[in-house]
Amino acid sequence: MRGEFWIDADSFHWAKATAWAVRAVSIAGPLARVEPGTEFSVEQMPVEQGVWLPRRYRIRSHSRILGLFSHHINEDHTYSNYHRAQEPDGDSSP
């Protein structure tokens, strides 16, 4: 695997991480193998002072299951509009 991290210059918090499979990687012995070219990426964003949450998650995966079946994934998920959950008002009456 090869990876890169991007660090926010103001907060020194990691803003993005990406990893690539440069060689085949076995998972659970012979059960599955991630093939070269597989890429994982996670980006974060600040949502309030000192709190960073996911902005984007992307995976492009090439793998083999039991050495027989090819499995490909190409997913891209984005997240936004974060807000705090409302605190309960403390009233437990029905």
PDB file of N, CA and C in Angstrom:
ATOM      1  N   MET A   1       0.851  -1.176   0.000  1.00  0.00           N
ATOM      2  CA  MET A   1       0.000   0.000   0.000  1.00  0.00           C
ATOM      3  C   MET A   1       0.896   1.238   0.000  1.00  0.00           C
ATOM      4  N   ARG A   2       0.411   2.248  -0.648  1.00  0.00           N
ATOM      5  CA  ARG A   2       1.067   3.549  -0.637  1.00  0.00           C
ATOM      6  C   ARG A   2       0.010   4.560  -0.233  1.00  0.00           C
ATOM      7  N   GLY A   3       0.393   5.563   0.535  1.00  0.00           N
ATOM      8  CA  GLY A   3      -0.598   6.522   0.987  1.00  0.00           C
ATOM      9  C   GLY A   3      -0.074   7.933   1.042  1.00  0.00           C
ATOM     10  N   GLU A   4      -1.007   8.876   1.093  1.00  0.00           N
ATOM     11  CA  GLU A   4      -0.692  10.296   1.227  1.00  0.00           C
ATOM     12  C   GLU A   4      -1.684  10.923   2.201  1.00  0.00           C
ATOM     13  N   PHE A   5      -1.192  11.895   2.970  1.00  0.00           N
ATOM     14  CA  PHE A   5      -2.032  12.673   3.874  1.00  0.00           C
ATOM     15  C   PHE A   5      -1.899  14.143   3.524  1.00  0.00           C
ATOM     16  N   TRP A   6      -3.010  14.875   3.555  1.00  0.00           N
ATOM     17  CA  TRP A   6      -3.001  16.314   3.403  1.00  0.00           C
ATOM     18  C   TRP A   6      -3.369  16.900   4.763  1.00  0.00           C
ATOM     19  N   ILE A   7      -2.586  17.844   5.213  1.00  0.00           N
ATOM     20  CA  ILE A   7      -2.780  18.462   6.527  1.00  0.00           C
ATOM     21  C   ILE A   7      -3.209  19.914   6.344  1.00  0.00           C
ATOM     22  N   ASP A   8      -4.260  20.340   7.063  1.00  0.00           N
ATOM     23  CA  ASP A   8      -4.719  21.724   7.035  1.00  0.00           C
ATOM     24  C   ASP A   8      -3.659  22.614   7.682  1.00  0.00           C
ATOM     25  N   ALA A   9      -3.217  23.635   6.979  1.00  0.00           N
ATOM     26  CA  ALA A   9      -2.126  24.494   7.450  1.00  0.00           C
ATOM     27  C   ALA A   9      -2.508  25.319   8.680  1.00  0.00           C
ATOM     28  N   ASP A  10      -3.781  25.647   8.856  1.00  0.00           N
ATOM     29  CA  ASP A  10      -4.197  26.468   9.997  1.00  0.00           C
ATOM     30  C   ASP A  10      -4.394  25.650  11.266  1.00  0.00           C
ATOM     31  N   SER A  11      -5.028  24.494  11.144  1.00  0.00           N
ATOM     32  CA  SER A  11      -5.373  23.710  12.336  1.00  0.00           C
ATOM     33  C   SER A  11      -4.451  22.515  12.555  1.00  0.00           C
ATOM     34  N   PHE A  12      -3.650  22.173  11.554  1.00  0.00           N
ATOM     35  CA  PHE A  12      -2.795  20.984  11.577  1.00  0.00           C
ATOM     36  C   PHE A  12      -3.591  19.684  11.709  1.00  0.00           C
ATOM     37  N   HIS A  13      -4.842  19.726  11.339  1.00  0.00           N
ATOM     38  CA  HIS A  13      -5.708  18.551  11.332  1.00  0.00           C
ATOM     39  C   HIS A  13      -5.610  17.918   9.951  1.00  0.00           C
ATOM     40  N   TRP A  14      -5.690  16.570   9.885  1.00  0.00           N
ATOM     41  CA  TRP A  14      -5.630  15.959   8.554  1.00  0.00           C
ATOM     42  C   TRP A  14      -6.937  16.226   7.824  1.00  0.00           C
ATOM     43  N   ALA A  15      -6.828  16.655   6.574  1.00  0.00           N
ATOM     44  CA  ALA A  15      -7.992  17.014   5.772  1.00  0.00           C
ATOM     45  C   ALA A  15      -8.330  15.944   4.741  1.00  0.00           C
ATOM     46  N   LYS A  16      -7.310  15.165   4.315  1.00  0.00           N
ATOM     47  CA  LYS A  16      -7.553  14.142   3.306  1.00  0.00           C
ATOM     48  C   LYS A  16      -6.517  13.038   3.468  1.00  0.00           C
ATOM     49  N   ALA A  17      -6.958  11.814   3.240  1.00  0.00           N
ATOM     50  CA  ALA A  17      -6.056  10.664   3.241  1.00  0.00           C
ATOM     51  C   ALA A  17      -6.423   9.787   2.052  1.00  0.00           C
ATOM     52  N   THR A  18      -5.413   9.351   1.335  1.00  0.00           N
ATOM     53  CA  THR A  18      -5.618   8.474   0.184  1.00  0.00           C
ATOM     54  C   THR A  18      -4.621   7.330   0.266  1.00  0.00           C
ATOM     55  N   ALA A  19      -5.078   6.127  -0.055  1.00  0.00           N
ATOM     56  CA  ALA A  19      -4.198   4.958  -0.067  1.00  0.00           C
ATOM     57  C   ALA A  19      -4.448   4.170  -1.349  1.00  0.00           C
ATOM     58  N   TRP A  20      -3.371   3.634  -1.906  1.00  0.00           N
ATOM     59  CA  TRP A  20      -3.432   2.831  -3.120  1.00  0.00           C
ATOM     60  C   TRP A  20      -2.792   1.484  -2.864  1.00  0.00           C
ATOM     61  N   ALA A  21      -3.365   0.457  -3.428  1.00  0.00           N
ATOM     62  CA  ALA A  21      -2.727  -0.868  -3.394  1.00  0.00           C
ATOM     63  C   ALA A  21      -1.770  -0.923  -4.582  1.00  0.00           C
ATOM     64  N   VAL A  22      -0.487  -1.086  -4.302  1.00  0.00           N
ATOM     65  CA  VAL A  22       0.500  -1.166  -5.370  1.00  0.00           C
ATOM     66  C   VAL A  22       0.860  -2.618  -5.674  1.00  0.00           C
ATOM     67  N   ARG A  23       0.529  -3.514  -4.748  1.00  0.00           N
ATOM     68  CA  ARG A  23       0.673  -4.957  -4.941  1.00  0.00           C
ATOM     69  C   ARG A  23      -0.585  -5.608  -4.398  1.00  0.00           C
ATOM     70  N   ALA A  24      -0.810  -6.848  -4.751  1.00  0.00           N
ATOM     71  CA  ALA A  24      -1.966  -7.584  -4.229  1.00  0.00           C
ATOM     72  C   ALA A  24      -1.836  -7.716  -2.709  1.00  0.00           C
ATOM     73  N   VAL A  25      -2.946  -7.532  -1.997  1.00  0.00           N
ATOM     74  CA  VAL A  25      -2.987  -7.621  -0.538  1.00  0.00           C
ATOM     75  C   VAL A  25      -4.020  -8.672  -0.156  1.00  0.00           C
ATOM     76  N   SER A  26      -3.589  -9.714   0.544  1.00  0.00           N
ATOM     77  CA  SER A  26      -4.510 -10.766   0.979  1.00  0.00           C
ATOM     78  C   SER A  26      -5.252 -10.335   2.234  1.00  0.00           C
ATOM     79  N   ILE A  27      -6.519 -10.707   2.287  1.00  0.00           N
ATOM     80  CA  ILE A  27      -7.361 -10.423   3.447  1.00  0.00           C
ATOM     81  C   ILE A  27      -7.911 -11.755   3.930  1.00  0.00           C
ATOM     82  N   ALA A  28      -7.703 -12.067   5.181  1.00  0.00           N
ATOM     83  CA  ALA A  28      -8.179 -13.330   5.768  1.00  0.00           C
ATOM     84  C   ALA A  28      -7.616 -14.523   5.005  1.00  0.00           C
ATOM     85  N   GLY A  29      -6.315 -14.500   4.773  1.00  0.00           N
ATOM     86  CA  GLY A  29      -5.656 -15.615   4.084  1.00  0.00           C
ATOM     87  C   GLY A  29      -6.112 -15.717   2.646  1.00  0.00           C
ATOM     88  N   PRO A  30      -6.550 -16.891   2.220  1.00  0.00           N
ATOM     89  CA  PRO A  30      -6.941 -17.080   0.815  1.00  0.00           C
ATOM     90  C   PRO A  30      -8.370 -16.625   0.504  1.00  0.00           C
ATOM     91  N   LEU A  31      -9.064 -16.098   1.496  1.00  0.00           N
ATOM     92  CA  LEU A  31     -10.465 -15.726   1.310  1.00  0.00           C
ATOM     93  C   LEU A  31     -10.645 -14.624   0.261  1.00  0.00           C
ATOM     94  N   ALA A  32      -9.849 -13.564   0.357  1.00  0.00           N
ATOM     95  CA  ALA A  32      -9.992 -12.448  -0.579  1.00  0.00           C
ATOM     96  C   ALA A  32      -8.634 -11.810  -0.823  1.00  0.00           C
ATOM     97  N   ARG A  33      -8.526 -11.163  -1.974  1.00  0.00           N
ATOM     98  CA  ARG A  33      -7.292 -10.477  -2.317  1.00  0.00           C
ATOM     99  C   ARG A  33      -7.644  -9.159  -2.998  1.00  0.00           C
ATOM    100  N   VAL A  34      -7.134  -8.064  -2.455  1.00  0.00           N
ATOM    101  CA  VAL A  34      -7.300  -6.746  -3.061  1.00  0.00           C
ATOM    102  C   VAL A  34      -6.215  -6.593  -4.112  1.00  0.00           C
ATOM    103  N   GLU A  35      -6.616  -6.236  -5.314  1.00  0.00           N
ATOM    104  CA  GLU A  35      -5.692  -6.157  -6.438  1.00  0.00           C
ATOM    105  C   GLU A  35      -5.058  -4.769  -6.551  1.00  0.00           C
ATOM    106  N   PRO A  36      -3.885  -4.685  -7.187  1.00  0.00           N
ATOM    107  CA  PRO A  36      -3.260  -3.381  -7.430  1.00  0.00           C
ATOM    108  C   PRO A  36      -4.206  -2.463  -8.191  1.00  0.00           C
ATOM    109  N   GLY A  37      -4.122  -1.184  -7.893  1.00  0.00           N
ATOM    110  CA  GLY A  37      -5.004  -0.198  -8.511  1.00  0.00           C
ATOM    111  C   GLY A  37      -6.178   0.180  -7.632  1.00  0.00           C
ATOM    112  N   THR A  38      -6.429  -0.593  -6.579  1.00  0.00           N
ATOM    113  CA  THR A  38      -7.493  -0.252  -5.638  1.00  0.00           C
ATOM    114  C   THR A  38      -7.127   1.048  -4.940  1.00  0.00           C
ATOM    115  N   GLU A  39      -8.100   1.940  -4.786  1.00  0.00           N
ATOM    116  CA  GLU A  39      -7.847   3.249  -4.165  1.00  0.00           C
ATOM    117  C   GLU A  39      -8.943   3.585  -3.159  1.00  0.00           C
ATOM    118  N   PHE A  40      -8.518   4.059  -1.979  1.00  0.00           N
ATOM    119  CA  PHE A  40      -9.426   4.528  -0.934  1.00  0.00           C
ATOM    120  C   PHE A  40      -9.096   5.990  -0.659  1.00  0.00           C
ATOM    121  N   SER A  41     -10.095   6.819  -0.479  1.00  0.00           N
ATOM    122  CA  SER A  41      -9.852   8.230  -0.185  1.00  0.00           C
ATOM    123  C   SER A  41     -10.919   8.735   0.782  1.00  0.00           C
ATOM    124  N   VAL A  42     -10.482   9.464   1.800  1.00  0.00           N
ATOM    125  CA  VAL A  42     -11.394  10.084   2.771  1.00  0.00           C
ATOM    126  C   VAL A  42     -11.007  11.551   2.905  1.00  0.00           C
ATOM    127  N   GLU A  43     -12.000  12.442   2.794  1.00  0.00           N
ATOM    128  CA  GLU A  43     -11.781  13.873   3.010  1.00  0.00           C
ATOM    129  C   GLU A  43     -12.616  14.315   4.193  1.00  0.00           C
ATOM    130  N   GLN A  44     -12.073  15.240   4.986  1.00  0.00           N
ATOM    131  CA  GLN A  44     -12.796  15.785   6.132  1.00  0.00           C
ATOM    132  C   GLN A  44     -12.917  17.296   5.990  1.00  0.00           C
ATOM    133  N   MET A  45     -13.855  17.871   6.739  1.00  0.00           N
ATOM    134  CA  MET A  45     -14.040  19.318   6.744  1.00  0.00           C
ATOM    135  C   MET A  45     -14.350  19.776   8.167  1.00  0.00           C
ATOM    136  N   PRO A  46     -13.968  20.998   8.507  1.00  0.00           N
ATOM    137  CA  PRO A  46     -14.316  21.508   9.826  1.00  0.00           C
ATOM    138  C   PRO A  46     -15.796  21.887   9.856  1.00  0.00           C
ATOM    139  N   VAL A  47     -16.493  21.480  10.909  1.00  0.00           N
ATOM    140  CA  VAL A  47     -17.916  21.819  11.034  1.00  0.00           C
ATOM    141  C   VAL A  47     -18.164  22.779  12.185  1.00  0.00           C
ATOM    142  N   GLU A  48     -17.250  22.822  13.127  1.00  0.00           N
ATOM    143  CA  GLU A  48     -17.247  23.835  14.187  1.00  0.00           C
ATOM    144  C   GLU A  48     -15.869  23.802  14.826  1.00  0.00           C
ATOM    145  N   GLN A  49     -15.608  24.688  15.725  1.00  0.00           N
ATOM    146  CA  GLN A  49     -14.281  24.810  16.331  1.00  0.00           C
ATOM    147  C   GLN A  49     -13.764  23.461  16.839  1.00  0.00           C
ATOM    148  N   GLY A  50     -12.693  22.971  16.231  1.00  0.00           N
ATOM    149  CA  GLY A  50     -12.054  21.737  16.683  1.00  0.00           C
ATOM    150  C   GLY A  50     -12.753  20.443  16.285  1.00  0.00           C
ATOM    151  N   VAL A  51     -13.831  20.532  15.518  1.00  0.00           N
ATOM    152  CA  VAL A  51     -14.566  19.326  15.116  1.00  0.00           C
ATOM    153  C   VAL A  51     -14.516  19.186  13.598  1.00  0.00           C
ATOM    154  N   TRP A  52     -13.935  18.090  13.152  1.00  0.00           N
ATOM    155  CA  TRP A  52     -13.866  17.766  11.729  1.00  0.00           C
ATOM    156  C   TRP A  52     -14.664  16.487  11.493  1.00  0.00           C
ATOM    157  N   LEU A  53     -15.462  16.480  10.431  1.00  0.00           N
ATOM    158  CA  LEU A  53     -16.282  15.319  10.091  1.00  0.00           C
ATOM    159  C   LEU A  53     -16.123  15.005   8.604  1.00  0.00           C
ATOM    160  N   PRO A  54     -16.487  13.796   8.187  1.00  0.00           N
ATOM    161  CA  PRO A  54     -16.286  13.406   6.783  1.00  0.00           C
ATOM    162  C   PRO A  54     -17.015  14.311   5.794  1.00  0.00           C
ATOM    163  N   ARG A  55     -16.343  14.609   4.698  1.00  0.00           N
ATOM    164  CA  ARG A  55     -16.923  15.350   3.584  1.00  0.00           C
ATOM    165  C   ARG A  55     -17.148  14.406   2.402  1.00  0.00           C
ATOM    166  N   ARG A  56     -16.183  13.504   2.196  1.00  0.00           N
ATOM    167  CA  ARG A  56     -16.272  12.609   1.047  1.00  0.00           C
ATOM    168  C   ARG A  56     -15.534  11.310   1.350  1.00  0.00           C
ATOM    169  N   TYR A  57     -16.115  10.216   0.882  1.00  0.00           N
ATOM    170  CA  TYR A  57     -15.469   8.913   0.976  1.00  0.00           C
ATOM    171  C   TYR A  57     -15.568   8.286  -0.410  1.00  0.00           C
ATOM    172  N   ARG A  58     -14.429   7.853  -0.926  1.00  0.00           N
ATOM    173  CA  ARG A  58     -14.422   7.272  -2.262  1.00  0.00           C
ATOM    174  C   ARG A  58     -13.609   5.980  -2.243  1.00  0.00           C
ATOM    175  N   ILE A  59     -14.126   4.969  -2.937  1.00  0.00           N
ATOM    176  CA  ILE A  59     -13.402   3.705  -3.074  1.00  0.00           C
ATOM    177  C   ILE A  59     -13.566   3.203  -4.500  1.00  0.00           C
ATOM    178  N   ARG A  60     -12.455   2.816  -5.065  1.00  0.00           N
ATOM    179  CA  ARG A  60     -12.433   2.110  -6.351  1.00  0.00           C
ATOM    180  C   ARG A  60     -11.645   0.845  -6.087  1.00  0.00           C
ATOM    181  N   SER A  61     -12.345  -0.266  -6.012  1.00  0.00           N
ATOM    182  CA  SER A  61     -11.731  -1.514  -5.575  1.00  0.00           C
ATOM    183  C   SER A  61     -11.809  -2.584  -6.651  1.00  0.00           C
ATOM    184  N   HIS A  62     -10.710  -3.296  -6.791  1.00  0.00           N
ATOM    185  CA  HIS A  62     -10.630  -4.479  -7.647  1.00  0.00           C
ATOM    186  C   HIS A  62     -10.154  -5.603  -6.730  1.00  0.00           C
ATOM    187  N   SER A  63     -10.933  -6.653  -6.623  1.00  0.00           N
ATOM    188  CA  SER A  63     -10.547  -7.742  -5.729  1.00  0.00           C
ATOM    189  C   SER A  63     -10.960  -9.088  -6.318  1.00  0.00           C
ATOM    190  N   ARG A  64     -10.431 -10.138  -5.713  1.00  0.00           N
ATOM    191  CA  ARG A  64     -10.778 -11.507  -6.089  1.00  0.00           C
ATOM    192  C   ARG A  64     -11.207 -12.235  -4.826  1.00  0.00           C
ATOM    193  N   ILE A  65     -12.308 -12.972  -4.927  1.00  0.00           N
ATOM    194  CA  ILE A  65     -12.846 -13.738  -3.817  1.00  0.00           C
ATOM    195  C   ILE A  65     -12.516 -15.214  -4.066  1.00  0.00           C
ATOM    196  N   LEU A  66     -11.880 -15.839  -3.093  1.00  0.00           N
ATOM    197  CA  LEU A  66     -11.486 -17.246  -3.190  1.00  0.00           C
ATOM    198  C   LEU A  66     -10.660 -17.552  -4.446  1.00  0.00           C
ATOM    199  N   GLY A  67     -10.062 -16.512  -5.010  1.00  0.00           N
ATOM    200  CA  GLY A  67      -9.250 -16.688  -6.200  1.00  0.00           C
ATOM    201  C   GLY A  67     -10.044 -16.978  -7.461  1.00  0.00           C
ATOM    202  N   LEU A  68     -11.367 -17.009  -7.350  1.00  0.00           N
ATOM    203  CA  LEU A  68     -12.212 -17.397  -8.482  1.00  0.00           C
ATOM    204  C   LEU A  68     -13.064 -16.270  -9.043  1.00  0.00           C
ATOM    205  N   PHE A  69     -13.559 -15.409  -8.164  1.00  0.00           N
ATOM    206  CA  PHE A  69     -14.546 -14.415  -8.563  1.00  0.00           C
ATOM    207  C   PHE A  69     -13.956 -13.011  -8.494  1.00  0.00           C
ATOM    208  N   SER A  70     -14.126 -12.261  -9.571  1.00  0.00           N
ATOM    209  CA  SER A  70     -13.714 -10.859  -9.576  1.00  0.00           C
ATOM    210  C   SER A  70     -14.815 -10.018  -8.943  1.00  0.00           C
ATOM    211  N   HIS A  71     -14.399  -9.023  -8.184  1.00  0.00           N
ATOM    212  CA  HIS A  71     -15.356  -8.136  -7.524  1.00  0.00           C
ATOM    213  C   HIS A  71     -14.847  -6.706  -7.685  1.00  0.00           C
ATOM    214  N   HIS A  72     -15.700  -5.828  -8.219  1.00  0.00           N
ATOM    215  CA  HIS A  72     -15.307  -4.433  -8.440  1.00  0.00           C
ATOM    216  C   HIS A  72     -16.292  -3.514  -7.727  1.00  0.00           C
ATOM    217  N   ILE A  73     -15.750  -2.497  -7.098  1.00  0.00           N
ATOM    218  CA  ILE A  73     -16.571  -1.482  -6.421  1.00  0.00           C
ATOM    219  C   ILE A  73     -16.095  -0.128  -6.901  1.00  0.00           C
ATOM    220  N   ASN A  74     -17.036   0.754  -7.210  1.00  0.00           N
ATOM    221  CA  ASN A  74     -16.722   2.139  -7.536  1.00  0.00           C
ATOM    222  C   ASN A  74     -17.789   2.997  -6.862  1.00  0.00           C
ATOM    223  N   GLU A  75     -17.484   3.481  -5.654  1.00  0.00           N
ATOM    224  CA  GLU A  75     -18.451   4.251  -4.868  1.00  0.00           C
ATOM    225  C   GLU A  75     -17.875   5.603  -4.506  1.00  0.00           C
ATOM    226  N   ASP A  76     -18.744   6.584  -4.461  1.00  0.00           N
ATOM    227  CA  ASP A  76     -18.357   7.941  -4.077  1.00  0.00           C
ATOM    228  C   ASP A  76     -19.490   8.505  -3.220  1.00  0.00           C
ATOM    229  N   HIS A  77     -19.202   8.756  -1.949  1.00  0.00           N
ATOM    230  CA  HIS A  77     -20.210   9.266  -1.020  1.00  0.00           C
ATOM    231  C   HIS A  77     -19.797  10.654  -0.539  1.00  0.00           C
ATOM    232  N   THR A  78     -20.736  11.581  -0.530  1.00  0.00           N
ATOM    233  CA  THR A  78     -20.466  12.919   0.000  1.00  0.00           C
ATOM    234  C   THR A  78     -21.397  13.188   1.176  1.00  0.00           C
ATOM    235  N   TYR A  79     -20.914  13.992   2.104  1.00  0.00           N
ATOM    236  CA  TYR A  79     -21.644  14.326   3.322  1.00  0.00           C
ATOM    237  C   TYR A  79     -21.620  15.836   3.500  1.00  0.00           C
ATOM    238  N   SER A  80     -22.734  16.396   3.956  1.00  0.00           N
ATOM    239  CA  SER A  80     -22.816  17.849   4.153  1.00  0.00           C
ATOM    240  C   SER A  80     -23.959  18.170   5.104  1.00  0.00           C
ATOM    241  N   ASN A  81     -24.132  19.444   5.349  1.00  0.00           N
ATOM    242  CA  ASN A  81     -25.246  19.951   6.153  1.00  0.00           C
ATOM    243  C   ASN A  81     -25.269  19.361   7.564  1.00  0.00           C
ATOM    244  N   TYR A  82     -24.096  19.253   8.160  1.00  0.00           N
ATOM    245  CA  TYR A  82     -24.034  18.754   9.536  1.00  0.00           C
ATOM    246  C   TYR A  82     -24.650  19.769  10.484  1.00  0.00           C
ATOM    247  N   HIS A  83     -25.340  19.280  11.501  1.00  0.00           N
ATOM    248  CA  HIS A  83     -25.838  20.138  12.576  1.00  0.00           C
ATOM    249  C   HIS A  83     -25.981  19.291  13.838  1.00  0.00           C
ATOM    250  N   ARG A  84     -25.897  19.942  14.959  1.00  0.00           N
ATOM    251  CA  ARG A  84     -26.021  19.244  16.239  1.00  0.00           C
ATOM    252  C   ARG A  84     -27.440  18.740  16.429  1.00  0.00           C
ATOM    253  N   ALA A  85     -27.541  17.570  17.030  1.00  0.00           N
ATOM    254  CA  ALA A  85     -28.857  17.047  17.395  1.00  0.00           C
ATOM    255  C   ALA A  85     -29.403  17.896  18.536  1.00  0.00           C
ATOM    256  N   GLN A  86     -30.692  18.095  18.547  1.00  0.00           N
ATOM    257  CA  GLN A  86     -31.294  18.886  19.625  1.00  0.00           C
ATOM    258  C   GLN A  86     -31.197  18.121  20.933  1.00  0.00           C
ATOM    259  N   GLU A  87     -30.870  18.850  21.969  1.00  0.00           N
ATOM    260  CA  GLU A  87     -30.823  18.263  23.306  1.00  0.00           C
ATOM    261  C   GLU A  87     -32.261  18.050  23.792  1.00  0.00           C
ATOM    262  N   PRO A  88     -32.506  16.927  24.482  1.00  0.00           N
ATOM    263  CA  PRO A  88     -33.851  16.748  25.054  1.00  0.00           C
ATOM    264  C   PRO A  88     -34.111  17.835  26.097  1.00  0.00           C
ATOM    265  N   ASP A  89     -35.370  18.241  26.226  1.00  0.00           N
ATOM    266  CA  ASP A  89     -35.692  19.335  27.140  1.00  0.00           C
ATOM    267  C   ASP A  89     -35.730  18.905  28.609  1.00  0.00           C
ATOM    268  N   GLY A  90     -35.493  17.613  28.857  1.00  0.00           N
ATOM    269  CA  GLY A  90     -35.452  17.144  30.242  1.00  0.00           C
ATOM    270  C   GLY A  90     -36.824  16.789  30.796  1.00  0.00           C
ATOM    271  N   ASP A  91     -37.864  17.068  30.058  1.00  0.00           N
ATOM    272  CA  ASP A  91     -39.214  16.761  30.521  1.00  0.00           C
ATOM    273  C   ASP A  91     -39.543  15.317  30.158  1.00  0.00           C
ATOM    274  N   SER A  92     -39.691  14.442  31.150  1.00  0.00           N
ATOM    275  CA  SER A  92     -39.966  13.036  30.878  1.00  0.00           C
ATOM    276  C   SER A  92     -41.434  12.695  31.044  1.00  0.00           C
ATOM    277  N   SER A  93     -42.313  13.695  31.187  1.00  0.00           N
ATOM    278  CA  SER A  93     -43.737  13.417  31.329  1.00  0.00           C
ATOM    279  C   SER A  93     -44.322  13.009  29.975  1.00  0.00           C
ATOM    280  N   PRO A  94     -45.348  12.140  30.001  1.00  0.00           N
ATOM    281  CA  PRO A  94     -45.966  11.680  28.736  1.00  0.00           C
ATOM    282  C   PRO A  94     -46.672  12.760  27.984  1.00  0.00           C
TER     283      PRO A  94
END
